[in-house]
Amino acid sequence: MADLWQAQGWAVSIQPTNAPGHATALAQQAAAAGHRIVMAAGGDGTLGEVANGLIDSETVMAPLPVGTANSFARELLMPRPNLLEKHKLLEAAEALLAGKIQQMDMGRLENEEGHGRNWLLWAGTGVDGYLVDRVEPRPRWSKRLGRLGYFLQSLAAAPNVPRMHATVTVDGLSIEDDFVLVLISNCRLYAGGQIILSPDACLDDGQVEVWLFRGEGLANTLQYLWEARLERHHNDPNVTRVNGQAVTIHAAPVMPCQTDGDKAGYTPFYCTVKPRALRLLVPNTAPADLFSLPGEPLMDG
């Protein structure tokens, strides 16, 4: 990939990460040094870390899918490498070279003390926050198995998800009930890109889609997963979608939260939207209606 970009006149420096959060620090350093692009080679968690380091800067983030799920790469319809098709990583790099720079919304999650983090794709609590809290950081054997390892760990932990009673307030509208999942989404796909959650979502419209899945326990969770896989969750009377810009969640018992598939503290928390806060290099494979505003080409000609 570096050779391909260098052949197009780019100077490329490769820096590995060595701990959680290191990608954010490297991205901040790159932005401070005035570098034009930071390419995030990893999965959705890595993208979230790099986006945290580049938010509100002029430096552009470019996704290079080498993670386990690569949900955002699926959203952008990028070529994704695997053991038998490693050349697809070069195809992804070529798609980025032919892409456009867009401005993407980001979310901000804060706890009651005002401490928090920015996020790129999702923030959630309930079953997904609980499973991330139990599964991450993943052991070496699980990482080697990829999706299968994550599935096996999640399957072992899923029966122990506690019942959650929550009050969710979106732009002043409050809804109180028992929920298996409250998900704040800034994109279209979910669950490693396997589910089309919000097919009409736009990444630069200044709002998020808040999904409320009522119920409790593993049976309700599996039911919703099946419905969502078939794109029938929109018709379930126990599923509510509310679009908005400011979201507050209080839950009993206190529940773990996740952002971009990583641990993000516990409830209660407050989320806001930061409109068009990230400059993103979008490959030429991306759906034409994913952004409402026109982008600018990376390269002329």
Foldseek 3Di string as FASTA:
>chain_A
DCVVVVVVVDDDDDDDADDPLRLLVVLLVCLVVPPAEDEQEEALSSVFSNCQNCFQGNHAYEYQYDYQQRQVCVQLVQQHDDPVRNVSSVVNVVLLQFFFKFFFKWKWKAAPVRDTTIFQWKKKWALLLQLLVQCPPHDPVLRVVRPVSSVVSSVVCQQVGDWKWKWKAFPRDIDTAIFRMKMKGQAQADDSNQFRRHVQHAGFPQKIKIKTAHDDGDVSVVVCVVCRNVPNNVVDPRIDIDIHFKMWMAMPPWTWMDGSSHTIGTDGMMMGMDGSRHTYRRGPSHDPNNHPDDGHNPDDD
